[in-house]
Amino acid sequence: MFSRLATLLFASLLLTCAPSFAAPITIDFESYPGLDGKLGTSDDVPAHNMIWRLSDEFATMGITFVRGSLHQSGFFDGNPANHFLSSDNPIISLGVPVFGISMMSKSYWDATLTAYGASGNVLAIHRLEHFGPGTAMMEGLLSVTTSEAIASFSILPDRPNYILNLDNLVLDVVDVPEPSNMLFAGLGLLGLVMRAKRRPRPFA
């Protein structure tokens, strides 16, 4: 009985500590989060109707633009009201546990998505090779997944003066278990184990 409860305790703690994937963060750049720090709610702030250098507009969500410019035109999808990243190729810092990134590109050039860890080490790279660089726009999806949390990422062309058009950023995030919940779960199961140990066994 004790052995069974000890196994249950160990398995439960492992499950409590395991990452739990939350709903992905999706950014279409049509709005910024309002005071509640979330997108898709009533206090969202409409994106600027001009070329705009991004920085901390998404900081309440744990997303900060080190570099990146927002544009508005129909160049990306034919909709003149559409906002997308262009001109200033993005570098983004993350303050949330992200394990996957995807973003659409519709550009004239090759594009490379590089994900970095907390120490600046490269975790993953995805290169979208154009069928004929400079000849026409090519649409494609840049995407990486990692086993280590991504601290920052960049999406860059082969040359600094080349321009990429990027839209619809999706970040796969995990919920971090509350330490108090982990402690209470462990203490509760430990109490069950100790109670089972003290219970007298019947004579054969």
N, C-alpha and C. Protein backbone atom coordinates (compact mmCIF):
# COMPACT_ATOMS: atom_id res chain seq x y z
N MET A 1 0.83 -1.21 0.00
CA MET A 1 0.00 0.00 0.00
C MET A 1 0.86 1.26 0.00
N PHE A 2 1.88 1.26 0.87
CA PHE A 2 2.78 2.42 0.94
C PHE A 2 3.48 2.65 -0.39
N SER A 3 3.93 1.56 -1.00
CA SER A 3 4.64 1.66 -2.28
C SER A 3 3.73 2.25 -3.35
N ARG A 4 2.47 1.84 -3.32
CA ARG A 4 1.52 2.33 -4.33
C ARG A 4 1.27 3.83 -4.15
N LEU A 5 1.12 4.27 -2.91
CA LEU A 5 0.89 5.69 -2.66
C LEU A 5 2.12 6.54 -2.97
N ALA A 6 3.30 5.98 -2.69
CA ALA A 6 4.53 6.70 -3.02
C ALA A 6 4.65 6.91 -4.52
N THR A 7 4.29 5.86 -5.28
CA THR A 7 4.31 5.97 -6.74
C THR A 7 3.32 7.02 -7.21
N LEU A 8 2.14 7.03 -6.59
CA LEU A 8 1.11 8.02 -6.93
C LEU A 8 1.59 9.44 -6.64
N LEU A 9 2.27 9.61 -5.50
CA LEU A 9 2.82 10.92 -5.14
C LEU A 9 3.82 11.39 -6.18
N PHE A 10 4.73 10.53 -6.57
CA PHE A 10 5.76 10.89 -7.54
C PHE A 10 5.15 11.25 -8.88
N ALA A 11 4.20 10.44 -9.35
CA ALA A 11 3.56 10.69 -10.64
C ALA A 11 2.77 11.99 -10.62
N SER A 12 2.09 12.25 -9.50
CA SER A 12 1.30 13.48 -9.41
C SER A 12 2.17 14.71 -9.44
N LEU A 13 3.32 14.65 -8.75
CA LEU A 13 4.24 15.80 -8.76
C LEU A 13 4.81 16.03 -10.15
N LEU A 14 5.09 14.95 -10.86
CA LEU A 14 5.58 15.10 -12.23
C LEU A 14 4.54 15.78 -13.10
N LEU A 15 3.28 15.38 -12.95
CA LEU A 15 2.22 15.98 -13.75
C LEU A 15 2.02 17.44 -13.38
N THR A 16 2.16 17.75 -12.10
CA THR A 16 2.00 19.14 -11.64
C THR A 16 3.09 20.03 -12.21
N CYS A 17 4.32 19.49 -12.30
CA CYS A 17 5.45 20.28 -12.79
C CYS A 17 5.51 20.34 -14.31
N ALA A 18 4.83 19.43 -15.00
CA ALA A 18 4.92 19.38 -16.46
C ALA A 18 4.28 20.62 -17.06
N PRO A 19 4.84 21.15 -18.15
CA PRO A 19 4.25 22.33 -18.78
C PRO A 19 2.88 22.05 -19.34
N SER A 20 1.96 22.98 -19.18
CA SER A 20 0.61 22.85 -19.69
C SER A 20 0.40 23.91 -20.77
N PHE A 21 0.13 23.46 -21.98
CA PHE A 21 0.02 24.41 -23.08
C PHE A 21 -1.28 25.19 -23.00
N ALA A 22 -1.17 26.51 -23.08
CA ALA A 22 -2.33 27.40 -23.08
C ALA A 22 -2.70 27.70 -24.53
N ALA A 23 -3.76 28.47 -24.70
CA ALA A 23 -4.16 28.87 -26.05
C ALA A 23 -3.05 29.71 -26.66
N PRO A 24 -2.73 29.51 -27.94
CA PRO A 24 -1.67 30.31 -28.57
C PRO A 24 -1.99 31.79 -28.56
N ILE A 25 -0.95 32.60 -28.52
CA ILE A 25 -1.10 34.05 -28.67
C ILE A 25 -1.06 34.35 -30.17
N THR A 26 -2.11 34.96 -30.69
CA THR A 26 -2.19 35.30 -32.11
C THR A 26 -2.25 36.81 -32.26
N ILE A 27 -1.33 37.35 -33.05
CA ILE A 27 -1.26 38.79 -33.28
C ILE A 27 -1.40 39.06 -34.78
N ASP A 28 -2.48 39.75 -35.16
CA ASP A 28 -2.66 40.10 -36.58
C ASP A 28 -2.28 41.55 -36.85
N PHE A 29 -1.84 42.27 -35.80
CA PHE A 29 -1.35 43.65 -35.88
C PHE A 29 -2.44 44.66 -36.24
N GLU A 30 -3.71 44.27 -36.11
CA GLU A 30 -4.80 45.21 -36.34
C GLU A 30 -5.13 46.00 -35.08
N SER A 31 -4.62 45.53 -33.94
CA SER A 31 -4.88 46.24 -32.68
C SER A 31 -3.81 45.89 -31.66
N TYR A 32 -3.74 46.71 -30.60
CA TYR A 32 -2.84 46.47 -29.47
C TYR A 32 -3.68 46.15 -28.24
N PRO A 33 -3.11 45.43 -27.26
CA PRO A 33 -3.88 45.17 -26.03
C PRO A 33 -4.12 46.44 -25.24
N GLY A 34 -5.31 46.52 -24.61
CA GLY A 34 -5.63 47.67 -23.76
C GLY A 34 -5.16 47.45 -22.34
N LEU A 35 -5.88 48.04 -21.39
CA LEU A 35 -5.46 48.00 -19.99
C LEU A 35 -5.46 46.58 -19.42
N ASP A 36 -6.29 45.68 -19.97
CA ASP A 36 -6.34 44.33 -19.42
C ASP A 36 -5.18 43.46 -19.90
N GLY A 37 -4.35 43.99 -20.82
CA GLY A 37 -3.18 43.26 -21.28
C GLY A 37 -3.48 42.08 -22.18
N LYS A 38 -4.69 42.01 -22.73
CA LYS A 38 -5.09 40.90 -23.60
C LYS A 38 -5.60 41.42 -24.94
N LEU A 39 -5.42 40.62 -25.96
CA LEU A 39 -5.99 40.93 -27.27
C LEU A 39 -7.35 40.25 -27.42
N GLY A 40 -8.22 40.86 -28.23
CA GLY A 40 -9.52 40.26 -28.48
C GLY A 40 -10.56 40.63 -27.44
N THR A 41 -10.29 41.68 -26.66
CA THR A 41 -11.25 42.15 -25.66
C THR A 41 -11.71 43.56 -26.01
N SER A 42 -12.70 44.05 -25.26
CA SER A 42 -13.36 45.30 -25.64
C SER A 42 -12.47 46.53 -25.53
N ASP A 43 -11.37 46.45 -24.77
CA ASP A 43 -10.53 47.64 -24.62
C ASP A 43 -9.30 47.63 -25.53
N ASP A 44 -9.29 46.77 -26.56
CA ASP A 44 -8.19 46.77 -27.52
C ASP A 44 -8.04 48.16 -28.16
N VAL A 45 -6.80 48.52 -28.47
CA VAL A 45 -6.50 49.81 -29.08
C VAL A 45 -6.22 49.60 -30.57
N PRO A 46 -6.94 50.28 -31.47
CA PRO A 46 -6.69 50.09 -32.91
C PRO A 46 -5.26 50.46 -33.29
N ALA A 47 -4.70 49.74 -34.24
CA ALA A 47 -3.34 50.01 -34.70
C ALA A 47 -3.29 51.36 -35.41
N HIS A 48 -2.11 51.96 -35.41
CA HIS A 48 -1.91 53.27 -36.04
C HIS A 48 -2.08 53.17 -37.56
N ASN A 49 -2.72 54.17 -38.14
CA ASN A 49 -2.92 54.20 -39.59
C ASN A 49 -1.79 54.96 -40.27
N MET A 50 -0.60 54.52 -40.00
CA MET A 50 0.59 55.15 -40.58
C MET A 50 1.76 54.20 -40.36
N ILE A 51 2.89 54.49 -40.96
CA ILE A 51 4.09 53.70 -40.65
C ILE A 51 4.45 53.96 -39.19
N TRP A 52 4.62 52.88 -38.43
CA TRP A 52 4.80 53.02 -36.99
C TRP A 52 5.90 52.09 -36.51
N ARG A 53 6.87 52.65 -35.81
CA ARG A 53 7.96 51.86 -35.24
C ARG A 53 7.47 51.19 -33.95
N LEU A 54 7.41 49.89 -33.93
CA LEU A 54 6.92 49.16 -32.76
C LEU A 54 7.98 49.07 -31.68
N SER A 55 7.53 49.06 -30.42
CA SER A 55 8.45 48.85 -29.30
C SER A 55 7.73 48.07 -28.20
N ASP A 56 6.97 48.77 -27.33
CA ASP A 56 6.36 48.11 -26.19
C ASP A 56 4.84 48.03 -26.27
N GLU A 57 4.26 48.12 -27.47
CA GLU A 57 2.81 48.07 -27.63
C GLU A 57 2.21 46.75 -27.12
N PHE A 58 2.99 45.67 -27.16
CA PHE A 58 2.51 44.35 -26.72
C PHE A 58 3.23 43.90 -25.44
N ALA A 59 3.87 44.84 -24.74
CA ALA A 59 4.69 44.48 -23.57
C ALA A 59 3.86 43.87 -22.45
N THR A 60 2.58 44.26 -22.32
CA THR A 60 1.74 43.68 -21.26
C THR A 60 1.48 42.19 -21.51
N MET A 61 1.75 41.72 -22.72
CA MET A 61 1.60 40.31 -23.05
C MET A 61 2.94 39.58 -23.00
N GLY A 62 4.00 40.31 -22.60
CA GLY A 62 5.32 39.70 -22.53
C GLY A 62 6.07 39.71 -23.85
N ILE A 63 5.67 40.61 -24.77
CA ILE A 63 6.25 40.66 -26.11
C ILE A 63 6.75 42.08 -26.36
N THR A 64 8.05 42.23 -26.59
CA THR A 64 8.64 43.55 -26.81
C THR A 64 9.40 43.54 -28.13
N PHE A 65 9.15 44.56 -28.95
CA PHE A 65 9.85 44.68 -30.22
C PHE A 65 11.14 45.46 -30.04
N VAL A 66 12.26 44.78 -30.22
CA VAL A 66 13.55 45.45 -30.25
C VAL A 66 13.66 46.22 -31.56
N ARG A 67 13.08 45.63 -32.60
CA ARG A 67 13.06 46.27 -33.92
C ARG A 67 11.83 45.77 -34.67
N GLY A 68 11.20 46.62 -35.44
CA GLY A 68 10.04 46.21 -36.22
C GLY A 68 9.17 47.40 -36.54
N SER A 69 8.72 47.50 -37.79
CA SER A 69 7.87 48.62 -38.21
C SER A 69 6.55 48.11 -38.75
N LEU A 70 5.48 48.81 -38.36
CA LEU A 70 4.14 48.46 -38.79
C LEU A 70 3.73 49.33 -39.98
N HIS A 71 3.18 48.69 -41.00
CA HIS A 71 2.70 49.40 -42.18
C HIS A 71 1.21 49.10 -42.37
N GLN A 72 0.55 49.94 -43.16
CA GLN A 72 -0.85 49.70 -43.52
C GLN A 72 -1.02 49.92 -45.01
N SER A 73 -1.45 48.87 -45.71
CA SER A 73 -1.75 48.97 -47.14
C SER A 73 -2.29 47.62 -47.61
N GLY A 74 -2.68 47.56 -48.85
CA GLY A 74 -3.16 46.31 -49.43
C GLY A 74 -2.05 45.46 -50.00
N PHE A 75 -0.79 45.85 -49.76
CA PHE A 75 0.34 45.15 -50.37
C PHE A 75 0.41 43.69 -49.96
N PHE A 76 0.03 43.41 -48.71
CA PHE A 76 0.17 42.05 -48.22
C PHE A 76 -0.97 41.15 -48.70
N ASP A 77 -2.21 41.59 -48.51
CA ASP A 77 -3.33 40.70 -48.84
C ASP A 77 -4.43 41.37 -49.67
N GLY A 78 -4.16 42.54 -50.22
CA GLY A 78 -5.15 43.22 -51.04
C GLY A 78 -6.11 44.11 -50.27
N ASN A 79 -6.11 44.01 -48.95
CA ASN A 79 -6.99 44.82 -48.11
C ASN A 79 -6.26 46.11 -47.73
N PRO A 80 -6.72 47.27 -48.18
CA PRO A 80 -5.99 48.52 -47.90
C PRO A 80 -5.93 48.88 -46.42
N ALA A 81 -6.77 48.27 -45.60
CA ALA A 81 -6.76 48.56 -44.16
C ALA A 81 -5.88 47.59 -43.38
N ASN A 82 -5.26 46.64 -44.07
CA ASN A 82 -4.48 45.61 -43.38
C ASN A 82 -3.17 46.16 -42.83
N HIS A 83 -2.87 45.78 -41.59
CA HIS A 83 -1.59 46.14 -40.96
C HIS A 83 -0.67 44.93 -40.96
N PHE A 84 0.59 45.16 -41.21
CA PHE A 84 1.58 44.09 -41.26
C PHE A 84 2.96 44.67 -40.98
N LEU A 85 3.92 43.79 -40.73
CA LEU A 85 5.29 44.23 -40.51
C LEU A 85 6.01 44.35 -41.84
N SER A 86 6.76 45.42 -42.01
CA SER A 86 7.50 45.62 -43.25
C SER A 86 8.61 46.64 -43.01
N SER A 87 9.55 46.71 -43.92
CA SER A 87 10.61 47.72 -43.95
C SER A 87 11.68 47.49 -42.89
N ASP A 88 11.28 47.44 -41.60
CA ASP A 88 12.25 47.28 -40.52
C ASP A 88 12.13 45.86 -39.98
N ASN A 89 12.98 44.97 -40.46
CA ASN A 89 12.83 43.54 -40.20
C ASN A 89 12.91 43.24 -38.70
N PRO A 90 11.93 42.47 -38.17
CA PRO A 90 11.71 42.41 -36.72
C PRO A 90 12.70 41.57 -35.93
N ILE A 91 12.99 42.06 -34.73
CA ILE A 91 13.68 41.33 -33.68
C ILE A 91 12.81 41.49 -32.44
N ILE A 92 12.43 40.39 -31.81
CA ILE A 92 11.42 40.42 -30.75
C ILE A 92 11.93 39.69 -29.51
N SER A 93 11.75 40.32 -28.36
CA SER A 93 12.12 39.74 -27.07
C SER A 93 10.86 39.22 -26.39
N LEU A 94 10.98 38.05 -25.73
CA LEU A 94 9.82 37.40 -25.13
C LEU A 94 9.99 37.27 -23.62
N GLY A 95 8.95 37.64 -22.89
CA GLY A 95 8.94 37.49 -21.45
C GLY A 95 7.95 36.45 -20.99
N VAL A 96 7.44 35.64 -21.92
CA VAL A 96 6.52 34.54 -21.61
C VAL A 96 7.14 33.24 -22.13
N PRO A 97 6.79 32.09 -21.53
CA PRO A 97 7.39 30.81 -21.97
C PRO A 97 6.84 30.34 -23.31
N VAL A 98 7.56 30.67 -24.38
CA VAL A 98 7.14 30.33 -25.75
C VAL A 98 7.98 29.16 -26.26
N PHE A 99 7.29 28.17 -26.85
CA PHE A 99 7.97 26.98 -27.38
C PHE A 99 7.69 26.75 -28.86
N GLY A 100 7.00 27.69 -29.48
CA GLY A 100 6.73 27.58 -30.91
C GLY A 100 6.38 28.93 -31.49
N ILE A 101 6.84 29.19 -32.72
CA ILE A 101 6.58 30.47 -33.39
C ILE A 101 6.21 30.18 -34.84
N SER A 102 5.21 30.87 -35.35
CA SER A 102 4.93 30.83 -36.78
C SER A 102 4.48 32.21 -37.25
N MET A 103 4.81 32.52 -38.50
CA MET A 103 4.45 33.82 -39.06
C MET A 103 4.43 33.74 -40.58
N MET A 104 3.45 34.40 -41.18
CA MET A 104 3.32 34.41 -42.64
C MET A 104 4.28 35.43 -43.25
N SER A 105 4.83 35.05 -44.39
CA SER A 105 5.67 35.97 -45.16
C SER A 105 5.12 36.05 -46.58
N LYS A 106 5.09 37.27 -47.10
CA LYS A 106 4.74 37.48 -48.52
C LYS A 106 5.73 38.51 -49.04
N SER A 107 6.84 38.00 -49.51
CA SER A 107 8.00 38.86 -49.75
C SER A 107 8.69 38.52 -51.06
N TYR A 108 9.61 39.41 -51.45
CA TYR A 108 10.41 39.21 -52.66
C TYR A 108 11.70 38.45 -52.38
N TRP A 109 11.99 38.22 -51.09
CA TRP A 109 13.31 37.69 -50.75
C TRP A 109 13.23 36.48 -49.83
N ASP A 110 14.34 35.76 -49.72
CA ASP A 110 14.44 34.70 -48.72
C ASP A 110 14.25 35.29 -47.33
N ALA A 111 13.66 34.51 -46.43
CA ALA A 111 13.46 34.96 -45.05
C ALA A 111 13.91 33.86 -44.10
N THR A 112 14.54 34.25 -42.99
CA THR A 112 15.04 33.28 -42.02
C THR A 112 14.53 33.64 -40.62
N LEU A 113 13.82 32.69 -40.03
CA LEU A 113 13.36 32.81 -38.64
C LEU A 113 14.37 32.11 -37.74
N THR A 114 14.92 32.83 -36.77
CA THR A 114 15.89 32.26 -35.83
C THR A 114 15.38 32.48 -34.41
N ALA A 115 15.29 31.39 -33.64
CA ALA A 115 14.85 31.45 -32.25
C ALA A 115 16.05 31.28 -31.33
N TYR A 116 16.12 32.11 -30.28
CA TYR A 116 17.26 32.11 -29.36
C TYR A 116 16.81 31.77 -27.94
N GLY A 117 17.70 31.11 -27.19
CA GLY A 117 17.45 30.82 -25.79
C GLY A 117 17.85 31.98 -24.90
N ALA A 118 17.72 31.79 -23.59
CA ALA A 118 17.99 32.87 -22.64
C ALA A 118 19.45 33.32 -22.65
N SER A 119 20.36 32.43 -22.99
CA SER A 119 21.78 32.79 -23.03
C SER A 119 22.24 33.24 -24.41
N GLY A 120 21.29 33.42 -25.33
CA GLY A 120 21.63 33.87 -26.68
C GLY A 120 21.98 32.74 -27.63
N ASN A 121 21.86 31.50 -27.17
CA ASN A 121 22.14 30.35 -28.02
C ASN A 121 21.01 30.13 -29.02
N VAL A 122 21.36 29.66 -30.22
CA VAL A 122 20.37 29.40 -31.25
C VAL A 122 19.64 28.09 -30.94
N LEU A 123 18.31 28.17 -30.85
CA LEU A 123 17.50 26.99 -30.55
C LEU A 123 16.94 26.34 -31.81
N ALA A 124 16.58 27.16 -32.79
CA ALA A 124 15.99 26.62 -34.02
C ALA A 124 16.06 27.67 -35.12
N ILE A 125 16.14 27.18 -36.36
CA ILE A 125 16.18 28.06 -37.53
C ILE A 125 15.24 27.48 -38.60
N HIS A 126 14.47 28.35 -39.22
CA HIS A 126 13.69 27.95 -40.39
C HIS A 126 13.89 28.99 -41.48
N ARG A 127 14.36 28.52 -42.62
CA ARG A 127 14.64 29.40 -43.74
C ARG A 127 13.61 29.16 -44.84
N LEU A 128 12.98 30.24 -45.28
CA LEU A 128 12.01 30.18 -46.37
C LEU A 128 12.70 30.68 -47.64
N GLU A 129 13.02 29.75 -48.52
CA GLU A 129 13.77 30.10 -49.72
C GLU A 129 12.83 30.50 -50.85
N HIS A 130 13.08 31.67 -51.42
CA HIS A 130 12.27 32.21 -52.51
C HIS A 130 12.61 31.47 -53.80
N PHE A 131 11.56 31.23 -54.64
CA PHE A 131 11.79 30.52 -55.91
C PHE A 131 12.58 31.36 -56.91
N GLY A 132 12.55 32.69 -56.77
CA GLY A 132 13.31 33.57 -57.65
C GLY A 132 13.45 34.93 -56.99
N PRO A 133 14.38 35.06 -56.05
CA PRO A 133 14.49 36.29 -55.26
C PRO A 133 14.46 37.55 -56.11
N GLY A 134 13.61 38.51 -55.72
CA GLY A 134 13.53 39.80 -56.40
C GLY A 134 12.62 39.82 -57.60
N THR A 135 12.07 38.66 -58.00
CA THR A 135 11.27 38.61 -59.22
C THR A 135 9.78 38.78 -58.98
N ALA A 136 9.29 38.26 -57.86
CA ALA A 136 7.86 38.31 -57.54
C ALA A 136 7.69 38.02 -56.05
N MET A 137 6.50 38.34 -55.55
CA MET A 137 6.22 38.01 -54.15
C MET A 137 5.93 36.52 -54.01
N MET A 138 6.48 35.93 -52.96
CA MET A 138 6.20 34.53 -52.65
C MET A 138 5.61 34.45 -51.25
N GLU A 139 4.50 33.73 -51.13
CA GLU A 139 3.84 33.57 -49.84
C GLU A 139 4.26 32.24 -49.21
N GLY A 140 4.53 32.27 -47.92
CA GLY A 140 4.92 31.05 -47.22
C GLY A 140 4.81 31.24 -45.73
N LEU A 141 5.00 30.14 -44.98
CA LEU A 141 4.90 30.18 -43.52
C LEU A 141 6.24 29.85 -42.90
N LEU A 142 6.72 30.74 -42.04
CA LEU A 142 7.91 30.51 -41.25
C LEU A 142 7.48 29.89 -39.92
N SER A 143 8.14 28.82 -39.48
CA SER A 143 7.67 28.14 -38.28
C SER A 143 8.80 27.36 -37.61
N VAL A 144 8.88 27.45 -36.27
CA VAL A 144 9.83 26.64 -35.49
C VAL A 144 9.14 26.17 -34.22
N THR A 145 9.58 25.02 -33.70
CA THR A 145 9.18 24.56 -32.37
C THR A 145 10.45 24.14 -31.64
N THR A 146 10.45 24.30 -30.30
CA THR A 146 11.63 24.00 -29.51
C THR A 146 11.23 23.28 -28.23
N SER A 147 12.20 22.61 -27.60
CA SER A 147 11.97 21.98 -26.30
C SER A 147 12.40 22.90 -25.16
N GLU A 148 13.16 23.94 -25.48
CA GLU A 148 13.60 24.95 -24.51
C GLU A 148 12.86 26.25 -24.78
N ALA A 149 12.51 26.98 -23.73
CA ALA A 149 11.77 28.22 -23.90
C ALA A 149 12.56 29.22 -24.75
N ILE A 150 11.85 29.88 -25.66
CA ILE A 150 12.45 30.86 -26.56
C ILE A 150 12.45 32.22 -25.88
N ALA A 151 13.62 32.85 -25.79
CA ALA A 151 13.74 34.16 -25.14
C ALA A 151 13.61 35.31 -26.13
N SER A 152 13.99 35.08 -27.38
CA SER A 152 13.89 36.11 -28.42
C SER A 152 13.95 35.45 -29.78
N PHE A 153 13.54 36.19 -30.81
CA PHE A 153 13.65 35.66 -32.16
C PHE A 153 13.74 36.81 -33.16
N SER A 154 14.24 36.47 -34.33
CA SER A 154 14.33 37.45 -35.41
C SER A 154 13.82 36.82 -36.70
N ILE A 155 13.33 37.66 -37.60
CA ILE A 155 12.97 37.23 -38.95
C ILE A 155 13.65 38.20 -39.90
N LEU A 156 14.68 37.72 -40.58
CA LEU A 156 15.55 38.62 -41.34
C LEU A 156 15.74 38.13 -42.78
N PRO A 157 15.93 39.07 -43.70
CA PRO A 157 16.29 38.71 -45.08
C PRO A 157 17.79 38.44 -45.17
N ASP A 158 18.25 38.09 -46.36
CA ASP A 158 19.67 37.79 -46.54
C ASP A 158 20.54 39.04 -46.44
N ARG A 159 19.98 40.19 -46.77
CA ARG A 159 20.74 41.44 -46.71
C ARG A 159 19.94 42.48 -45.91
N PRO A 160 20.62 43.32 -45.14
CA PRO A 160 19.92 44.28 -44.27
C PRO A 160 18.99 45.23 -45.00
N ASN A 161 19.29 45.56 -46.26
CA ASN A 161 18.47 46.54 -46.98
C ASN A 161 17.29 45.90 -47.70
N TYR A 162 17.18 44.57 -47.66
CA TYR A 162 16.03 43.90 -48.25
C TYR A 162 14.83 44.03 -47.30
N ILE A 163 13.63 44.03 -47.87
CA ILE A 163 12.41 44.23 -47.09
C ILE A 163 11.58 42.96 -47.12
N LEU A 164 11.11 42.54 -45.94
CA LEU A 164 10.18 41.42 -45.81
C LEU A 164 8.81 41.95 -45.41
N ASN A 165 7.77 41.29 -45.86
CA ASN A 165 6.40 41.62 -45.46
C ASN A 165 5.87 40.44 -44.65
N LEU A 166 5.52 40.70 -43.38
CA LEU A 166 5.20 39.63 -42.43
C LEU A 166 3.89 39.94 -41.72
N ASP A 167 3.09 38.89 -41.49
CA ASP A 167 1.81 39.10 -40.82
C ASP A 167 1.40 37.83 -40.06
N ASN A 168 0.43 38.00 -39.16
CA ASN A 168 -0.20 36.90 -38.43
C ASN A 168 0.83 36.07 -37.64
N LEU A 169 1.34 36.68 -36.59
CA LEU A 169 2.28 36.04 -35.69
C LEU A 169 1.53 35.16 -34.70
N VAL A 170 1.98 33.91 -34.55
CA VAL A 170 1.38 32.98 -33.58
C VAL A 170 2.48 32.44 -32.68
N LEU A 171 2.26 32.56 -31.36
CA LEU A 171 3.22 32.09 -30.36
C LEU A 171 2.57 30.99 -29.54
N ASP A 172 3.22 29.82 -29.48
CA ASP A 172 2.74 28.72 -28.64
C ASP A 172 3.33 28.88 -27.25
N VAL A 173 2.49 29.10 -26.27
CA VAL A 173 2.95 29.38 -24.90
C VAL A 173 2.49 28.28 -23.95
N VAL A 174 3.11 28.23 -22.78
CA VAL A 174 2.70 27.28 -21.75
C VAL A 174 2.31 28.03 -20.49
N ASP A 175 1.39 27.44 -19.74
CA ASP A 175 1.05 27.96 -18.42
C ASP A 175 2.06 27.41 -17.43
N VAL A 176 2.66 28.29 -16.64
CA VAL A 176 3.60 27.86 -15.60
C VAL A 176 2.82 27.57 -14.33
N PRO A 177 2.92 26.34 -13.77
CA PRO A 177 2.16 26.03 -12.55
C PRO A 177 2.54 26.96 -11.40
N GLU A 178 1.54 27.37 -10.63
CA GLU A 178 1.82 28.19 -9.45
C GLU A 178 2.60 27.37 -8.43
N PRO A 179 3.70 27.90 -7.87
CA PRO A 179 4.47 27.16 -6.86
C PRO A 179 3.62 26.72 -5.67
N SER A 180 2.65 27.56 -5.28
CA SER A 180 1.81 27.22 -4.14
C SER A 180 0.96 25.99 -4.45
N ASN A 181 0.45 25.90 -5.69
CA ASN A 181 -0.35 24.74 -6.07
C ASN A 181 0.49 23.47 -6.05
N MET A 182 1.73 23.57 -6.53
CA MET A 182 2.62 22.42 -6.53
C MET A 182 2.91 21.97 -5.10
N LEU A 183 3.11 22.95 -4.18
CA LEU A 183 3.43 22.63 -2.80
C LEU A 183 2.25 21.95 -2.12
N PHE A 184 1.03 22.50 -2.31
CA PHE A 184 -0.15 21.92 -1.68
C PHE A 184 -0.43 20.51 -2.19
N ALA A 185 -0.23 20.30 -3.49
CA ALA A 185 -0.46 18.96 -4.04
C ALA A 185 0.52 17.97 -3.43
N GLY A 186 1.78 18.38 -3.33
CA GLY A 186 2.80 17.49 -2.77
C GLY A 186 2.54 17.19 -1.31
N LEU A 187 2.18 18.22 -0.52
CA LEU A 187 1.93 18.02 0.91
C LEU A 187 0.70 17.14 1.14
N GLY A 188 -0.32 17.33 0.32
CA GLY A 188 -1.52 16.52 0.46
C GLY A 188 -1.26 15.05 0.23
N LEU A 189 -0.53 14.76 -0.83
CA LEU A 189 -0.22 13.36 -1.12
C LEU A 189 0.75 12.78 -0.12
N LEU A 190 1.68 13.61 0.37
CA LEU A 190 2.61 13.14 1.39
C LEU A 190 1.85 12.77 2.67
N GLY A 191 0.82 13.56 3.01
CA GLY A 191 0.01 13.25 4.18
C GLY A 191 -0.69 11.91 4.04
N LEU A 192 -1.18 11.62 2.83
CA LEU A 192 -1.82 10.32 2.59
C LEU A 192 -0.84 9.18 2.78
N VAL A 193 0.38 9.37 2.31
CA VAL A 193 1.40 8.32 2.44
C VAL A 193 1.72 8.07 3.91
N MET A 194 1.91 9.15 4.69
CA MET A 194 2.25 8.99 6.10
C MET A 194 1.10 8.35 6.87
N ARG A 195 -0.11 8.69 6.52
CA ARG A 195 -1.27 8.09 7.19
C ARG A 195 -1.35 6.60 6.91
N ALA A 196 -1.03 6.23 5.68
CA ALA A 196 -1.05 4.80 5.32
C ALA A 196 0.03 4.03 6.06
N LYS A 197 1.18 4.68 6.28
CA LYS A 197 2.28 4.02 6.99
C LYS A 197 1.90 3.74 8.45
N ARG A 198 1.16 4.67 9.07
CA ARG A 198 0.82 4.53 10.48
C ARG A 198 -0.31 3.55 10.73
N ARG A 199 -1.13 3.28 9.70
CA ARG A 199 -2.28 2.41 9.87
C ARG A 199 -1.82 1.00 10.22
N PRO A 200 -2.27 0.41 11.32
CA PRO A 200 -1.84 -0.95 11.69
C PRO A 200 -2.34 -1.99 10.71
N ARG A 201 -1.48 -2.94 10.40
CA ARG A 201 -1.87 -4.00 9.48
C ARG A 201 -2.58 -5.11 10.26
N PRO A 202 -3.63 -5.70 9.72
CA PRO A 202 -4.33 -6.79 10.40
C PRO A 202 -3.45 -8.04 10.47
N PHE A 203 -3.62 -8.83 11.59
CA PHE A 203 -2.86 -10.06 11.71
C PHE A 203 -3.39 -11.10 10.73
N ALA A 204 -2.46 -11.90 10.23
CA ALA A 204 -2.85 -12.94 9.27
C ALA A 204 -3.60 -14.06 9.98
